[in-house]
């Protein structure tokens, strides 16, 4: 008769139910193991049971699970490889002992500490790939009975199931951690980051994104480097009907002209020396989705004509091909340059600019969004504290004062770098002022007013001129962005520039 055939029907049912349990729940390993060990104890009619796991150093055993009258006390203990459990580990063999006190392998340490009297027991190894990683013990068969061979067979089957559960749960835990890391990385790679906005102006920008997201009209995002133009592009995509389709990013300043054309439009095999196979461009990859053209002001004139055609017809050819391809893609562009000035200089096509600038969005610099600074700083602190594994609680009062007073010429990117650096250099619980490595410089504005002018009108004009020049310089002479900052129409700003004889220096 086989081992399984010798097991009573109720014991077999318990084993089957345990197997089903193992294959349905890996989310809480300790609960799962406790249920298995408890089932094993019940099926062999024991009074107490435990699962002892071999420590990573291989020299000690710890109680992973302990069930019974003195289970709580037992779980506090760590044992040397002595006694019956140690023997099972060393020899990777089971043991059935019906007179524990007379067995030379018995170590009374646990009995002395817990006060639990051990009369008889079964101990079986828990194996993974023939390597013993732990021991299941069941103590004191009820009604003063002895453990028999059937009990041993059942417990060995439970040990096999427990090993499977333990291994699967560890794989599950590891996979879950890897998935979380990959999801985080994917979120970063795809650009779907948390949008941090406490200031009124940025919440207005977010609301604007929601209002215009439904449109397929092209958007031009303006603002200094590092202000968060890319995050605005992401919000436009995330709030649009294209949200479940690709969001493709291209940095137009990162590639030379030859590579940029291939990157945007793709190429066919043999189009140039390294073109060993056909390759889709970013516009094809963004079909049904959104393409974000960052640093659009750096795109070469020779490519601007081809880009204009995409905006007009959603059509283009791969490099080296005469076959016209069409796509359904929303185009969002961004720049920190003064496109209007580039148009005047003949470096940017006016028709392309007008096609891109259907829905302009200006993002103000961080120094003009004071309410966002602390919010962003604490967001980055939480992020980098986790990465460097340091439990920072926040910023010291002096550090917060410096963060608020600093002008942040590099905007959000500079703030992020400063907080990351501080987390690496600093010591918990608080980031100190010295950890930020920021040099505070006053950015107060002193208008150049000619007080020798005889009348108020001339003095006012001098002030206007000086102030407008300052704002234009802040926005790299982008009149659209400067006008928004000044709270006036761009056409009125253009008229003031002409009337006050303002010239770019």
Protein backbone atom coordinates (compact mmCIF):
# COMPACT_ATOMS: atom_id res chain seq x y z
CA UNK A 1 0.00 0.00 0.00
CA UNK A 2 1.33 3.45 -0.90
CA UNK A 3 1.95 6.26 1.57
CA UNK A 4 -1.10 8.22 0.42
CA UNK A 5 -3.33 5.15 0.57
CA UNK A 6 -2.33 4.55 4.17
CA UNK A 7 -3.52 7.99 5.28
CA UNK A 8 -7.06 8.24 6.57
CA UNK A 9 -9.58 10.07 4.43
CA UNK A 10 -9.93 13.02 6.84
CA UNK A 11 -6.19 13.49 6.92
CA UNK A 12 -6.06 13.42 3.13
CA UNK A 13 -8.83 16.03 2.92
CA UNK A 14 -6.90 18.28 5.29
CA UNK A 15 -3.80 17.89 3.14
CA UNK A 16 -5.76 18.74 -0.02
CA UNK A 17 -7.28 21.81 1.62
CA UNK A 18 -3.84 22.92 2.74
CA UNK A 19 -2.55 22.51 -0.81
CA UNK A 20 -5.38 24.72 -2.08
CA UNK A 21 -4.54 27.28 0.58
CA UNK A 22 -0.90 27.32 -0.48
CA UNK A 23 -1.82 27.99 -4.09
CA UNK A 24 -4.20 30.83 -3.29
CA UNK A 25 -2.42 33.11 -0.84
CA UNK A 26 1.13 34.47 -0.82
CA UNK A 27 0.34 37.96 0.43
CA UNK A 28 1.06 37.23 4.12
CA UNK A 29 3.67 34.54 4.57
CA UNK A 30 3.51 34.33 8.36
CA UNK A 31 -0.28 33.81 8.36
CA UNK A 32 0.00 31.19 5.62
CA UNK A 33 2.73 29.26 7.43
CA UNK A 34 0.83 29.38 10.70
CA UNK A 35 -2.26 27.89 9.05
CA UNK A 36 -0.20 25.09 7.51
CA UNK A 37 1.55 24.24 10.77
CA UNK A 38 -1.75 24.38 12.67
CA UNK A 39 -3.33 22.03 10.11
CA UNK A 40 -0.40 19.65 10.47
CA UNK A 41 -0.78 19.67 14.25
CA UNK A 42 -4.50 18.92 14.02
CA UNK A 43 -4.18 16.15 11.48
CA UNK A 44 -1.66 14.21 13.59
CA UNK A 45 -3.55 15.13 16.78
CA UNK A 46 -0.71 16.96 18.50
CA UNK A 47 -0.94 19.39 21.41
CA UNK A 48 1.69 21.86 20.16
CA UNK A 49 3.64 22.52 16.98
CA UNK A 50 6.39 24.75 15.67
CA UNK A 51 8.27 25.70 12.55
CA UNK A 52 11.94 26.46 13.11
CA UNK A 53 13.91 28.15 10.33
CA UNK A 54 17.65 28.04 9.86
CA UNK A 55 19.23 31.46 10.32
CA UNK A 56 21.13 32.92 7.32
CA UNK A 57 24.45 32.23 9.04
CA UNK A 58 23.51 28.52 9.20
CA UNK A 59 24.46 28.23 12.85
CA UNK A 60 21.18 28.78 14.69
CA UNK A 61 17.46 28.02 14.57
CA UNK A 62 14.70 30.53 15.24
CA UNK A 63 11.01 29.92 15.87
CA UNK A 64 9.14 31.18 12.80
CA UNK A 65 5.85 29.69 14.04
CA UNK A 66 4.99 28.33 17.50
CA UNK A 67 1.48 27.05 18.28
CA UNK A 68 0.35 25.70 21.61
CA UNK A 69 0.13 26.54 25.30
CA UNK A 70 3.59 28.13 25.43
CA UNK A 71 3.89 29.31 21.84
CA UNK A 72 4.45 32.96 22.71
CA UNK A 73 7.36 32.15 25.03
CA UNK A 74 8.92 29.79 22.50
CA UNK A 75 8.85 32.37 19.69
CA UNK A 76 11.22 34.57 21.65
CA UNK A 77 13.95 31.92 21.56
CA UNK A 78 16.85 31.30 19.19
CA UNK A 79 18.49 27.88 19.44
CA UNK A 80 21.88 26.45 18.67
CA UNK A 81 21.97 23.37 16.43
CA UNK A 82 21.65 21.10 19.44
CA UNK A 83 18.77 18.87 20.35
CA UNK A 84 16.46 16.95 18.08
CA UNK A 85 15.71 19.85 15.70
CA UNK A 86 19.44 20.42 15.25
CA UNK A 87 19.94 16.73 14.49
CA UNK A 88 17.19 16.88 11.81
CA UNK A 89 18.92 19.88 10.21
CA UNK A 90 22.38 18.31 10.31
CA UNK A 91 21.35 14.95 8.89
CA UNK A 92 18.38 16.11 6.80
CA UNK A 93 16.31 13.24 8.21
CA UNK A 94 13.02 12.87 10.06
CA UNK A 95 12.72 11.70 13.65
CA UNK A 96 9.80 10.11 15.53
CA UNK A 97 10.40 9.88 19.27
CA UNK A 98 7.80 8.59 21.71
CA UNK A 99 9.97 8.88 24.82
CA UNK A 100 11.71 12.22 24.52
CA UNK A 101 13.35 12.27 27.95
CA UNK A 102 15.25 9.06 27.27
CA UNK A 103 16.52 10.16 23.86
CA UNK A 104 20.17 11.34 23.95
CA UNK A 105 19.47 14.00 21.30
CA UNK A 106 16.91 15.79 23.49
CA UNK A 107 17.92 19.28 24.67
CA UNK A 108 15.77 20.50 27.61
CA UNK A 109 16.52 24.21 26.98
CA UNK A 110 13.09 25.08 25.54
CA UNK A 111 11.33 23.03 28.20
CA UNK A 112 13.16 24.87 30.96
CA UNK A 113 12.43 28.33 29.52
CA UNK A 114 8.76 27.76 28.66
CA UNK A 115 7.80 25.26 31.35
CA UNK A 116 6.09 23.12 28.69
CA UNK A 117 6.64 19.39 29.30
CA UNK A 118 7.51 17.42 26.19
CA UNK A 119 6.57 13.74 26.22
CA UNK A 120 6.81 12.67 22.59
CA UNK A 121 7.34 14.37 19.21
CA UNK A 122 7.80 14.14 15.47
CA UNK A 123 10.38 16.36 13.73
CA UNK A 124 10.69 16.48 9.93
CA UNK A 125 12.98 18.52 7.67
CA UNK A 126 11.63 21.26 5.41
CA UNK A 127 13.57 21.03 2.16
CA UNK A 128 14.09 23.20 -0.90
CA UNK A 129 15.98 21.35 -3.63
CA UNK A 130 17.21 18.76 -1.10
CA UNK A 131 18.63 21.49 1.13
CA UNK A 132 17.20 21.57 4.64
CA UNK A 133 16.09 25.10 5.53
CA UNK A 134 13.92 24.37 8.56
CA UNK A 135 12.15 21.85 10.78
CA UNK A 136 8.49 21.20 11.56
CA UNK A 137 7.87 19.72 14.99
CA UNK A 138 4.65 18.38 16.47
CA UNK A 139 4.65 17.65 20.21
CA UNK A 140 2.63 15.48 22.57
CA UNK A 141 0.03 13.36 20.79
CA UNK A 142 -3.31 13.74 22.45
CA UNK A 143 -4.87 11.17 24.80
CA UNK A 144 -1.41 9.97 25.82
CA UNK A 145 -1.04 8.15 22.50
CA UNK A 146 2.17 7.50 20.59
CA UNK A 147 2.98 8.96 17.18
CA UNK A 148 3.05 6.31 14.45
CA UNK A 149 4.34 5.88 10.91
CA UNK A 150 1.16 7.34 9.39
CA UNK A 151 1.67 10.49 11.43
CA UNK A 152 5.24 10.73 10.19
CA UNK A 153 4.16 10.28 6.56
CA UNK A 154 1.52 12.99 6.88
CA UNK A 155 3.90 15.42 8.53
CA UNK A 156 6.53 14.86 5.84
CA UNK A 157 3.92 15.71 3.21
CA UNK A 158 3.03 18.85 5.16
CA UNK A 159 6.72 19.75 5.32
CA UNK A 160 6.93 19.46 1.54
CA UNK A 161 3.88 21.70 1.17
CA UNK A 162 5.29 24.18 3.66
CA UNK A 163 8.57 24.36 1.74
CA UNK A 164 6.65 25.04 -1.47
CA UNK A 165 4.61 27.74 0.26
CA UNK A 166 7.71 29.32 1.74
CA UNK A 167 9.59 29.31 -1.56
CA UNK A 168 6.62 30.59 -3.56
CA UNK A 169 5.94 33.32 -1.03
CA UNK A 170 9.57 34.43 -1.14
CA UNK A 171 9.45 34.49 -4.94
CA UNK A 172 6.17 36.40 -4.75
CA UNK A 173 7.64 38.90 -2.31
CA UNK A 174 10.73 39.39 -4.45
CA UNK A 175 8.68 39.70 -7.63
CA UNK A 176 6.34 42.16 -5.96
CA UNK A 177 9.27 44.33 -4.89
CA UNK A 178 10.71 44.15 -8.40
CA UNK A 179 7.34 45.02 -9.93
CA UNK A 180 6.97 48.03 -7.64
CA UNK A 181 10.48 49.20 -8.59
CA UNK A 182 9.76 48.64 -12.28
CA UNK A 183 6.44 50.45 -12.01
CA UNK A 184 8.15 53.38 -10.34
CA UNK A 185 10.81 53.37 -13.04
CA UNK A 186 8.18 53.04 -15.76
CA UNK A 187 6.26 55.96 -14.31
CA UNK A 188 9.47 58.00 -14.41
CA UNK A 189 10.38 56.80 -17.90
CA UNK A 190 6.91 57.62 -19.20
CA UNK A 191 6.92 60.88 -17.30
CA UNK A 192 3.80 60.32 -15.27
CA UNK A 193 4.99 62.07 -12.15
CA UNK A 194 3.11 63.63 -9.27
CA UNK A 195 2.12 67.18 -10.14
CA UNK A 196 3.06 69.36 -7.17
CA UNK A 197 1.21 72.67 -7.17
CA UNK A 198 0.23 74.71 -4.15
CA UNK A 199 0.52 78.18 -5.67
CA UNK A 200 -2.52 79.81 -7.20
CA UNK A 201 -0.79 80.36 -10.53
CA UNK A 202 0.19 76.69 -10.97
CA UNK A 203 -3.25 75.45 -9.98
CA UNK A 204 -4.61 77.78 -12.63
CA UNK A 205 -2.19 76.22 -15.14
CA UNK A 206 -3.38 72.76 -14.13
CA UNK A 207 -6.99 73.81 -14.61
CA UNK A 208 -6.06 75.26 -18.00
CA UNK A 209 -4.52 71.90 -18.95
CA UNK A 210 -7.76 70.14 -18.06
CA UNK A 211 -9.79 72.62 -20.08
CA UNK A 212 -7.75 72.35 -23.26
CA UNK A 213 -6.76 68.68 -22.98
CA UNK A 214 -9.78 67.56 -24.99
CA UNK A 215 -8.61 69.58 -27.98
CA UNK A 216 -6.13 68.20 -30.49
CA UNK A 217 -4.76 71.67 -31.19
CA UNK A 218 -1.00 72.01 -30.79
CA UNK A 219 0.32 73.58 -27.59
CA UNK A 220 3.48 75.61 -27.06
CA UNK A 221 4.75 75.63 -23.48
CA UNK A 222 7.04 78.54 -22.62
CA UNK A 223 9.27 79.14 -19.64
CA UNK A 224 12.77 79.03 -18.26
CA UNK A 225 14.76 75.82 -18.08
CA UNK A 226 13.69 73.60 -15.21
CA UNK A 227 10.30 75.20 -14.45
CA UNK A 228 8.30 72.04 -15.18
CA UNK A 229 7.29 72.40 -18.83
CA UNK A 230 7.48 68.64 -19.29
CA UNK A 231 5.09 68.05 -16.39
CA UNK A 232 2.57 70.38 -18.02
CA UNK A 233 2.87 68.35 -21.23
CA UNK A 234 2.23 65.20 -19.21
CA UNK A 235 -0.90 66.71 -17.67
CA UNK A 236 -2.21 67.63 -21.11
CA UNK A 237 -1.77 64.02 -22.18
CA UNK A 238 -3.14 62.47 -18.98
CA UNK A 239 -6.31 64.56 -19.17
CA UNK A 240 -6.90 63.88 -22.86
CA UNK A 241 -8.73 61.13 -24.73
CA UNK A 242 -5.27 59.83 -25.71
CA UNK A 243 -4.30 58.92 -22.15
CA UNK A 244 -4.20 55.16 -22.84
CA UNK A 245 -1.98 55.63 -25.87
CA UNK A 246 1.73 56.50 -26.06
CA UNK A 247 3.27 59.67 -24.68
CA UNK A 248 6.51 60.05 -26.63
CA UNK A 249 9.19 62.56 -25.67
CA UNK A 250 11.89 64.00 -27.91
CA UNK A 251 14.62 66.40 -26.81
CA UNK A 252 15.31 68.32 -30.01
CA UNK A 253 18.52 69.79 -28.58
CA UNK A 254 20.04 66.44 -27.65
CA UNK A 255 20.72 65.10 -31.15
CA UNK A 256 22.58 66.43 -34.20
CA UNK A 257 20.54 67.25 -37.29
CA UNK A 258 21.13 63.96 -39.13
CA UNK A 259 20.18 61.81 -36.17
CA UNK A 260 17.25 64.02 -35.19
CA UNK A 261 15.56 63.56 -38.57
CA UNK A 262 15.84 59.78 -38.28
CA UNK A 263 14.70 59.94 -34.65
CA UNK A 264 11.59 61.94 -35.52
CA UNK A 265 10.57 60.39 -38.82
CA UNK A 266 12.31 57.02 -38.91
CA UNK A 267 14.34 55.53 -41.74
CA UNK A 268 14.40 52.61 -44.14
CA UNK A 269 17.14 50.08 -44.58
CA UNK A 270 20.08 51.50 -46.53
CA UNK A 271 19.06 55.13 -46.02
CA UNK A 272 22.55 55.75 -44.60
CA UNK A 273 25.58 53.74 -43.54
CA UNK A 274 24.27 52.45 -40.21
CA UNK A 275 20.69 51.91 -41.38
CA UNK A 276 20.79 48.09 -41.37
CA UNK A 277 17.01 47.74 -41.00
CA UNK A 278 13.79 49.74 -41.17
CA UNK A 279 13.12 51.80 -38.06
CA UNK A 280 10.03 53.64 -36.88
CA UNK A 281 10.43 57.26 -35.87
CA UNK A 282 8.95 58.97 -32.84
CA UNK A 283 5.96 60.26 -34.78
CA UNK A 284 4.98 56.72 -35.77
CA UNK A 285 5.46 55.53 -32.20
CA UNK A 286 3.20 58.35 -31.01
CA UNK A 287 0.34 57.39 -33.35
CA UNK A 288 -3.01 57.78 -31.53
CA UNK A 289 -1.09 59.38 -28.66
CA UNK A 290 0.91 62.51 -27.92
CA UNK A 291 4.38 63.61 -28.94
CA UNK A 292 6.25 66.12 -26.80
CA UNK A 293 8.92 68.09 -28.65
CA UNK A 294 11.11 69.62 -25.97
CA UNK A 295 13.57 72.40 -26.83
CA UNK A 296 11.74 73.04 -30.10
CA UNK A 297 13.72 76.27 -30.52
CA UNK A 298 16.82 74.19 -31.27
CA UNK A 299 15.37 72.28 -34.22
CA UNK A 300 17.39 73.01 -37.40
CA UNK A 301 15.80 75.05 -40.17
CA UNK A 302 16.22 72.17 -42.60
CA UNK A 303 13.89 70.01 -40.49
CA UNK A 304 11.38 72.74 -39.78
CA UNK A 305 9.77 72.37 -43.22
CA UNK A 306 9.21 68.66 -42.68
CA UNK A 307 7.83 69.29 -39.21
CA UNK A 308 5.50 71.97 -40.57
CA UNK A 309 4.05 69.43 -43.00
CA UNK A 310 3.34 67.03 -40.14
CA UNK A 311 1.49 69.80 -38.31
CA UNK A 312 -0.52 70.66 -41.41
CA UNK A 313 -1.21 67.22 -42.89
CA UNK A 314 -0.05 64.66 -40.28
CA UNK A 315 2.01 63.18 -43.10
CA UNK A 316 5.73 62.53 -43.66
CA UNK A 317 8.23 60.12 -45.19
CA UNK A 318 10.87 58.09 -43.46
CA UNK A 319 14.46 59.02 -44.26
CA UNK A 320 15.40 57.26 -47.51
CA UNK A 321 11.80 56.51 -48.52
CA UNK A 322 9.25 58.05 -50.88
CA UNK A 323 6.31 56.34 -49.20
CA UNK A 324 4.08 58.80 -47.36
CA UNK A 325 2.97 57.80 -43.88
CA UNK A 326 0.13 59.37 -41.92
CA UNK A 327 -0.38 59.50 -38.17
CA UNK A 328 -2.94 60.74 -35.66
CA UNK A 329 -0.81 62.50 -33.09
CA UNK A 330 -1.25 65.47 -30.82
CA UNK A 331 1.82 67.74 -30.85
CA UNK A 332 3.00 69.57 -27.75
CA UNK A 333 6.18 71.63 -27.95
CA UNK A 334 8.21 73.49 -25.36
CA UNK A 335 11.07 75.95 -25.33
CA UNK A 336 13.00 78.26 -23.03
CA UNK A 337 13.99 80.45 -25.97
CA UNK A 338 12.41 83.56 -27.44
CA UNK A 339 10.89 82.06 -30.58
CA UNK A 340 9.62 85.44 -31.77
CA UNK A 341 13.17 86.75 -31.75
CA UNK A 342 14.39 83.63 -33.56
CA UNK A 343 11.74 84.28 -36.20
CA UNK A 344 13.02 87.86 -36.62
CA UNK A 345 16.56 86.53 -36.97
CA UNK A 346 15.47 84.05 -39.63
CA UNK A 347 16.37 81.06 -37.45
CA UNK A 348 12.81 79.81 -37.00
CA UNK A 349 10.03 79.64 -39.58
CA UNK A 350 7.19 82.01 -38.79
CA UNK A 351 4.56 79.63 -40.24
CA UNK A 352 5.84 76.82 -38.02
CA UNK A 353 5.76 79.12 -35.00
CA UNK A 354 2.15 80.09 -35.68
CA UNK A 355 1.18 76.43 -36.14
CA UNK A 356 2.80 75.48 -32.83
CA UNK A 357 1.56 78.50 -30.91
CA UNK A 358 -2.17 77.77 -31.20
CA UNK A 359 -2.50 77.31 -27.44
CA UNK A 360 0.44 78.93 -25.61
CA UNK A 361 1.04 78.19 -21.92
CA UNK A 362 3.60 80.18 -19.97
CA UNK A 363 5.10 78.59 -16.83
CA UNK A 364 6.51 81.18 -14.41
CA UNK A 365 9.88 80.60 -12.72
CA UNK A 366 10.00 79.05 -9.27
CA UNK A 367 11.07 82.33 -7.65
CA UNK A 368 7.67 83.73 -8.61
CA UNK A 369 5.83 80.74 -7.11
CA UNK A 370 6.92 80.92 -3.48
CA UNK A 371 4.04 78.73 -2.31
CA UNK A 372 5.37 75.83 -4.39
CA UNK A 373 8.93 75.89 -3.05
CA UNK A 374 8.34 74.27 0.36
CA UNK A 375 5.86 71.80 -1.10
CA UNK A 376 8.39 70.68 -3.71
CA UNK A 377 11.27 70.63 -1.22
CA UNK A 378 9.40 68.27 1.11
CA UNK A 379 8.32 66.09 -1.83
CA UNK A 380 11.95 65.70 -2.92
CA UNK A 381 13.07 65.13 0.67
CA UNK A 382 10.67 62.20 1.01
CA UNK A 383 11.81 60.79 -2.32
CA UNK A 384 15.55 61.00 -1.67
CA UNK A 385 15.33 59.99 1.99
CA UNK A 386 13.97 56.69 0.77
CA UNK A 387 16.63 56.35 -1.92
CA UNK A 388 19.59 56.99 0.39
CA UNK A 389 17.92 55.10 3.26
CA UNK A 390 18.14 57.95 5.76
CA UNK A 391 15.08 58.73 7.94
CA UNK A 392 14.95 62.52 7.54
CA UNK A 393 11.97 64.14 9.26
CA UNK A 394 12.24 67.51 7.54
CA UNK A 395 14.32 70.69 7.25
CA UNK A 396 15.72 72.69 10.13
CA UNK A 397 14.30 76.23 10.55
CA UNK A 398 17.50 77.75 9.10
CA UNK A 399 17.37 75.40 6.13
CA UNK A 400 13.73 76.28 5.46
CA UNK A 401 14.56 79.97 5.67
CA UNK A 402 17.34 79.57 3.11
CA UNK A 403 15.12 77.54 0.80
CA UNK A 404 12.47 80.26 0.88
CA UNK A 405 14.95 83.12 0.42
CA UNK A 406 17.02 81.59 -2.38
CA UNK A 407 16.14 82.74 -5.91
CA UNK A 408 16.45 79.28 -7.55
CA UNK A 409 17.78 80.40 -10.95
CA UNK A 410 17.79 76.75 -12.04
CA UNK A 411 14.16 76.42 -10.90
CA UNK A 412 12.71 73.01 -9.92
CA UNK A 413 15.65 71.10 -11.32
CA UNK A 414 18.07 73.03 -9.12
CA UNK A 415 15.83 72.54 -6.07
CA UNK A 416 15.64 68.81 -6.70
CA UNK A 417 19.42 68.55 -7.07
CA UNK A 418 19.98 70.59 -3.90
CA UNK A 419 17.69 68.37 -1.82
CA UNK A 420 19.21 65.19 -3.24
CA UNK A 421 22.70 66.47 -2.43
CA UNK A 422 21.59 67.43 1.08
CA UNK A 423 20.17 63.95 1.68
CA UNK A 424 23.48 62.39 0.66
CA UNK A 425 25.60 64.77 2.78
CA UNK A 426 23.30 65.36 5.75
CA UNK A 427 22.60 63.39 8.89
CA UNK A 428 19.09 62.68 10.19
CA UNK A 429 16.76 63.72 11.63
CA UNK A 430 16.87 67.12 9.85
CA UNK A 431 18.47 68.66 6.77
CA UNK A 432 20.59 71.57 7.98
CA UNK A 433 21.36 74.83 6.16
CA UNK A 434 24.96 73.77 5.49
CA UNK A 435 23.80 70.54 3.80
CA UNK A 436 22.09 72.48 1.00
CA UNK A 437 25.35 74.07 -0.25
CA UNK A 438 23.50 77.14 -1.51
CA UNK A 439 25.04 80.57 -1.76
CA UNK A 440 22.40 83.17 -1.01
CA UNK A 441 22.52 86.21 -3.24
CA UNK A 442 20.13 89.10 -3.03
CA UNK A 443 18.01 89.44 -6.13
CA UNK A 444 16.40 92.73 -5.22
CA UNK A 445 15.45 94.91 -8.13
CA UNK A 446 16.81 98.42 -8.32
CA UNK A 447 15.33 100.27 -11.30
CA UNK A 448 17.57 102.58 -13.23
CA UNK A 449 15.70 105.88 -13.04
CA UNK A 450 17.16 109.13 -14.31
CA UNK A 451 16.22 111.54 -11.49
CA UNK A 452 17.62 114.50 -13.45
CA UNK A 453 14.51 114.41 -15.65
CA UNK A 454 12.48 117.54 -14.93
CA UNK A 455 8.98 116.04 -14.87
CA UNK A 456 7.04 113.10 -13.42
CA UNK A 457 6.07 111.72 -16.82
CA UNK A 458 9.71 111.26 -17.83
CA UNK A 459 10.54 109.62 -14.49
CA UNK A 460 7.59 107.24 -14.87
CA UNK A 461 8.70 106.35 -18.39
CA UNK A 462 12.24 105.69 -17.13
CA UNK A 463 10.84 103.35 -14.48
CA UNK A 464 8.59 101.60 -17.01
CA UNK A 465 11.50 101.09 -19.38
CA UNK A 466 13.79 99.73 -16.67
CA UNK A 467 11.12 97.42 -15.25
CA UNK A 468 10.06 96.07 -18.66
CA UNK A 469 13.70 95.40 -19.59
CA UNK A 470 14.13 93.45 -16.34
CA UNK A 471 11.06 91.29 -17.05
CA UNK A 472 12.11 90.75 -20.66
CA UNK A 473 15.58 89.67 -19.54
CA UNK A 474 14.03 87.25 -17.04
CA UNK A 475 12.09 85.64 -19.87
CA UNK A 476 14.89 85.78 -22.42
CA UNK A 477 13.00 88.41 -24.41
CA UNK A 478 10.02 86.17 -25.01
CA UNK A 479 7.33 88.83 -25.35
CA UNK A 480 4.43 86.42 -24.81
CA UNK A 481 5.87 85.20 -21.52
CA UNK A 482 6.89 88.69 -20.41
CA UNK A 483 3.46 90.11 -21.18
CA UNK A 484 1.79 87.42 -19.08
CA UNK A 485 4.14 88.19 -16.21
CA UNK A 486 3.39 91.92 -16.53
CA UNK A 487 -0.34 91.23 -16.73
CA UNK A 488 -0.81 92.98 -20.07
CA UNK A 489 -1.57 91.98 -23.67
CA UNK A 490 1.41 91.09 -25.84
CA UNK A 491 0.33 93.66 -28.42
CA UNK A 492 0.40 96.36 -25.72
CA UNK A 493 3.85 95.21 -24.61
CA UNK A 494 5.07 95.46 -28.21
CA UNK A 495 3.72 99.01 -28.39
CA UNK A 496 5.47 99.96 -25.12
CA UNK A 497 8.75 98.50 -26.39
CA UNK A 498 8.45 100.70 -29.46
CA UNK A 499 7.31 103.83 -27.59
CA UNK A 500 10.00 103.54 -24.90
CA UNK A 501 12.65 102.66 -27.50
CA UNK A 502 13.56 99.45 -25.70
CA UNK A 503 16.20 97.35 -27.44
CA UNK A 504 17.54 93.91 -26.59
CA UNK A 505 21.04 94.13 -25.14
